[in-house]
C-alpha atoms as a PDB file:
ATOM      1  CA  MET A   1     -15.257 -42.669 -13.472  1.00  0.00           C
ATOM      2  CA  SER A   2     -13.745 -40.052 -15.779  1.00  0.00           C
ATOM      3  CA  GLU A   3     -13.554 -39.851 -19.528  1.00  0.00           C
ATOM      4  CA  THR A   4      -9.865 -40.177 -20.420  1.00  0.00           C
ATOM      5  CA  TYR A   5      -8.495 -38.646 -23.587  1.00  0.00           C
ATOM      6  CA  THR A   6      -5.041 -39.031 -25.056  1.00  0.00           C
ATOM      7  CA  VAL A   7      -4.048 -36.057 -27.160  1.00  0.00           C
ATOM      8  CA  THR A   8      -1.130 -36.681 -29.485  1.00  0.00           C
ATOM      9  CA  ASP A   9      -1.186 -33.553 -31.638  1.00  0.00           C
ATOM     10  CA  GLY A  10      -2.972 -31.083 -29.369  1.00  0.00           C
ATOM     11  CA  THR A  11      -6.223 -31.272 -31.346  1.00  0.00           C
ATOM     12  CA  PHE A  12      -9.319 -32.985 -29.981  1.00  0.00           C
ATOM     13  CA  ASP A  13     -12.950 -32.286 -30.881  1.00  0.00           C
ATOM     14  CA  LEU A  14     -15.754 -32.378 -28.308  1.00  0.00           C
ATOM     15  CA  GLU A  15     -19.372 -33.422 -28.917  1.00  0.00           C
ATOM     16  CA  ILE A  16     -21.800 -31.791 -26.491  1.00  0.00           C
ATOM     17  CA  LEU A  17     -25.554 -32.127 -26.032  1.00  0.00           C
ATOM     18  CA  ALA A  18     -26.825 -28.626 -25.176  1.00  0.00           C
ATOM     19  CA  GLY A  19     -28.723 -28.523 -21.885  1.00  0.00           C
ATOM     20  CA  SER A  20     -27.033 -31.691 -20.585  1.00  0.00           C
ATOM     21  CA  THR A  21     -24.110 -32.345 -18.287  1.00  0.00           C
ATOM     22  CA  PHE A  22     -20.801 -32.839 -20.135  1.00  0.00           C
ATOM     23  CA  PRO A  23     -19.399 -35.396 -20.195  1.00  0.00           C
ATOM     24  CA  SER A  24     -22.612 -37.396 -20.093  1.00  0.00           C
ATOM     25  CA  VAL A  25     -20.983 -40.203 -18.096  1.00  0.00           C
ATOM     26  CA  ALA A  26     -20.126 -39.803 -14.415  1.00  0.00           C
ATOM     27  CA  GLY A  27     -16.952 -37.864 -13.732  1.00  0.00           C
ATOM     28  CA  ASP A  28     -14.933 -35.273 -15.580  1.00  0.00           C
ATOM     29  CA  CYS A  29     -13.385 -34.881 -19.006  1.00  0.00           C
ATOM     30  CA  SER A  30      -9.682 -35.373 -18.248  1.00  0.00           C
ATOM     31  CA  PHE A  31      -6.536 -34.829 -20.277  1.00  0.00           C
ATOM     32  CA  TYR A  32      -3.174 -36.361 -19.324  1.00  0.00           C
ATOM     33  CA  PRO A  33      -0.468 -34.400 -21.178  1.00  0.00           C
ATOM     34  CA  THR A  34       2.767 -36.114 -22.146  1.00  0.00           C
ATOM     35  CA  ASP A  35       5.998 -34.942 -23.710  1.00  0.00           C
ATOM     36  CA  SER A  36       7.140 -36.034 -27.176  1.00  0.00           C
ATOM     37  CA  ASP A  37       8.481 -39.305 -25.688  1.00  0.00           C
ATOM     38  CA  GLY A  38       5.155 -40.158 -24.080  1.00  0.00           C
ATOM     39  CA  VAL A  39       6.351 -39.334 -20.564  1.00  0.00           C
ATOM     40  CA  ALA A  40       3.852 -37.597 -18.261  1.00  0.00           C
ATOM     41  CA  PHE A  41       4.282 -33.812 -18.346  1.00  0.00           C
ATOM     42  CA  SER A  42       4.570 -32.445 -14.801  1.00  0.00           C
ATOM     43  CA  LEU A  43       1.822 -29.927 -14.112  1.00  0.00           C
ATOM     44  CA  THR A  44       3.400 -28.697 -10.893  1.00  0.00           C
ATOM     45  CA  GLY A  45       3.221 -24.894 -10.831  1.00  0.00           C
ATOM     46  CA  TYR A  46       0.680 -24.651 -13.670  1.00  0.00           C
ATOM     47  CA  THR A  47      -2.856 -23.261 -13.782  1.00  0.00           C
ATOM     48  CA  ALA A  48      -5.366 -23.934 -16.549  1.00  0.00           C
ATOM     49  CA  LYS A  49      -7.973 -21.907 -18.429  1.00  0.00           C
ATOM     50  CA  LEU A  50     -10.662 -23.169 -20.820  1.00  0.00           C
ATOM     51  CA  GLN A  51     -12.657 -21.022 -23.212  1.00  0.00           C
ATOM     52  CA  VAL A  52     -15.363 -21.866 -25.757  1.00  0.00           C
ATOM     53  CA  ARG A  53     -16.069 -19.303 -28.489  1.00  0.00           C
ATOM     54  CA  GLU A  54     -18.071 -19.127 -31.723  1.00  0.00           C
ATOM     55  CA  GLN A  55     -14.857 -18.140 -33.499  1.00  0.00           C
ATOM     56  CA  PRO A  56     -11.380 -17.355 -32.153  1.00  0.00           C
ATOM     57  CA  SER A  57     -12.082 -13.605 -32.466  1.00  0.00           C
ATOM     58  CA  THR A  58     -15.460 -13.564 -30.661  1.00  0.00           C
ATOM     59  CA  THR A  59     -16.285 -13.235 -26.956  1.00  0.00           C
ATOM     60  CA  ALA A  60     -16.064 -16.417 -24.869  1.00  0.00           C
ATOM     61  CA  VAL A  61     -19.414 -18.160 -24.372  1.00  0.00           C
ATOM     62  CA  ILE A  62     -17.887 -20.358 -21.657  1.00  0.00           C
ATOM     63  CA  ASP A  63     -14.848 -19.206 -19.669  1.00  0.00           C
ATOM     64  CA  MET A  64     -13.762 -21.490 -16.841  1.00  0.00           C
ATOM     65  CA  THR A  65     -10.855 -22.794 -14.812  1.00  0.00           C
ATOM     66  CA  PRO A  66     -10.309 -26.556 -15.174  1.00  0.00           C
ATOM     67  CA  THR A  67      -8.839 -28.511 -12.265  1.00  0.00           C
ATOM     68  CA  VAL A  68      -5.091 -29.178 -12.442  1.00  0.00           C
ATOM     69  CA  ASN A  69      -4.280 -32.352 -10.500  1.00  0.00           C
ATOM     70  CA  ILE A  70      -0.541 -32.655  -9.900  1.00  0.00           C
ATOM     71  CA  SER A  71      -0.854 -36.094  -8.277  1.00  0.00           C
ATOM     72  CA  ASP A  72      -1.824 -37.741 -11.581  1.00  0.00           C
ATOM     73  CA  ASN A  73      -0.752 -34.926 -13.960  1.00  0.00           C
ATOM     74  CA  SER A  74      -4.225 -34.350 -15.339  1.00  0.00           C
ATOM     75  CA  VAL A  75      -6.340 -31.381 -16.350  1.00  0.00           C
ATOM     76  CA  SER A  76     -10.052 -32.022 -15.844  1.00  0.00           C
ATOM     77  CA  PHE A  77     -13.349 -30.234 -16.313  1.00  0.00           C
ATOM     78  CA  SER A  78     -17.043 -30.815 -16.593  1.00  0.00           C
ATOM     79  CA  LEU A  79     -19.877 -28.585 -17.758  1.00  0.00           C
ATOM     80  CA  THR A  80     -23.252 -28.137 -16.086  1.00  0.00           C
ATOM     81  CA  PRO A  81     -26.550 -28.154 -17.997  1.00  0.00           C
ATOM     82  CA  THR A  82     -26.679 -24.361 -17.451  1.00  0.00           C
ATOM     83  CA  GLN A  83     -23.287 -23.955 -19.119  1.00  0.00           C
ATOM     84  CA  THR A  84     -24.080 -26.218 -22.093  1.00  0.00           C
ATOM     85  CA  SER A  85     -27.406 -24.381 -22.572  1.00  0.00           C
ATOM     86  CA  LEU A  86     -25.316 -21.327 -23.507  1.00  0.00           C
ATOM     87  CA  LEU A  87     -24.242 -23.202 -26.654  1.00  0.00           C
ATOM     88  CA  THR A  88     -27.053 -22.161 -28.984  1.00  0.00           C
ATOM     89  CA  LYS A  89     -25.146 -22.673 -32.250  1.00  0.00           C
ATOM     90  CA  THR A  90     -23.987 -26.036 -33.605  1.00  0.00           C
ATOM     91  CA  ASP A  91     -20.291 -25.283 -34.028  1.00  0.00           C
ATOM     92  CA  TYR A  92     -17.764 -23.604 -31.705  1.00  0.00           C
ATOM     93  CA  VAL A  93     -14.037 -23.684 -31.037  1.00  0.00           C
ATOM     94  CA  TYR A  94     -12.327 -24.246 -27.699  1.00  0.00           C
ATOM     95  CA  ALA A  95      -8.895 -24.400 -26.153  1.00  0.00           C
ATOM     96  CA  ILE A  96      -7.312 -25.205 -22.825  1.00  0.00           C
ATOM     97  CA  GLU A  97      -4.192 -23.225 -21.975  1.00  0.00           C
ATOM     98  CA  LEU A  98      -1.702 -23.909 -19.210  1.00  0.00           C
ATOM     99  CA  THR A  99       0.152 -21.047 -17.529  1.00  0.00           C
ATOM    100  CA  GLN A 100       3.314 -21.647 -15.536  1.00  0.00           C
ATOM    101  CA  THR A 101       2.823 -19.353 -12.556  1.00  0.00           C
ATOM    102  CA  SER A 102       6.524 -18.716 -11.895  1.00  0.00           C
ATOM    103  CA  THR A 103       7.374 -17.598 -15.446  1.00  0.00           C
ATOM    104  CA  SER A 104       3.966 -16.687 -16.981  1.00  0.00           C
ATOM    105  CA  LYS A 105       4.839 -19.074 -19.852  1.00  0.00           C
ATOM    106  CA  VAL A 106       1.634 -20.132 -21.665  1.00  0.00           C
ATOM    107  CA  LEU A 107       1.199 -23.494 -23.396  1.00  0.00           C
ATOM    108  CA  THR A 108      -1.829 -24.698 -25.326  1.00  0.00           C
ATOM    109  CA  LEU A 109      -2.741 -28.107 -23.936  1.00  0.00           C
ATOM    110  CA  VAL A 110      -5.522 -28.873 -26.402  1.00  0.00           C
ATOM    111  CA  ARG A 111      -7.732 -27.126 -28.942  1.00  0.00           C
ATOM    112  CA  GLY A 112     -10.474 -28.155 -31.309  1.00  0.00           C
ATOM    113  CA  GLN A 113     -14.059 -27.917 -32.448  1.00  0.00           C
ATOM    114  CA  VAL A 114     -17.091 -28.158 -30.193  1.00  0.00           C
ATOM    115  CA  LEU A 115     -19.895 -29.867 -32.070  1.00  0.00           C
ATOM    116  CA  VAL A 116     -23.229 -29.155 -30.391  1.00  0.00           C
ATOM    117  CA  THR A 117     -26.493 -31.025 -30.665  1.00  0.00           C
ATOM    118  CA  PRO A 118     -29.181 -28.414 -29.915  1.00  0.00           C
ATOM    119  CA  GLU A 119     -31.256 -28.739 -26.756  1.00  0.00           C
ATOM    120  CA  ILE A 120     -34.636 -30.370 -27.332  1.00  0.00           C
ATOM    121  CA  VAL A 121     -36.166 -30.823 -23.876  1.00  0.00           C
ATOM    122  CA  ARG A 122     -36.470 -27.538 -21.930  1.00  0.00           C
END
């Protein structure tokens, strides 16, 4: 089972427990983009990139390639305990960008804050 998120304005905050798998339920964190009329946005020909940073101007703490699934028009990712252990502060920013491979056009799928609960058990 995946976590399903509907993003209406392109902003969605994540809450992550450092040192734990994210999301904490089985499956991936999945986004299903739609156009302004609520119709599924075709992801055919797109790749995705996700980065987590302390601030937009700092080096990425997490830099990964989410899965683009054209059969259900979703962009999905999950983070391992090793990856979430890299989040040693309590507040970060993230974004997922889509790149159309044929034109190099870049769209921001979602962006927001990453609120981190520090790791306790090590």
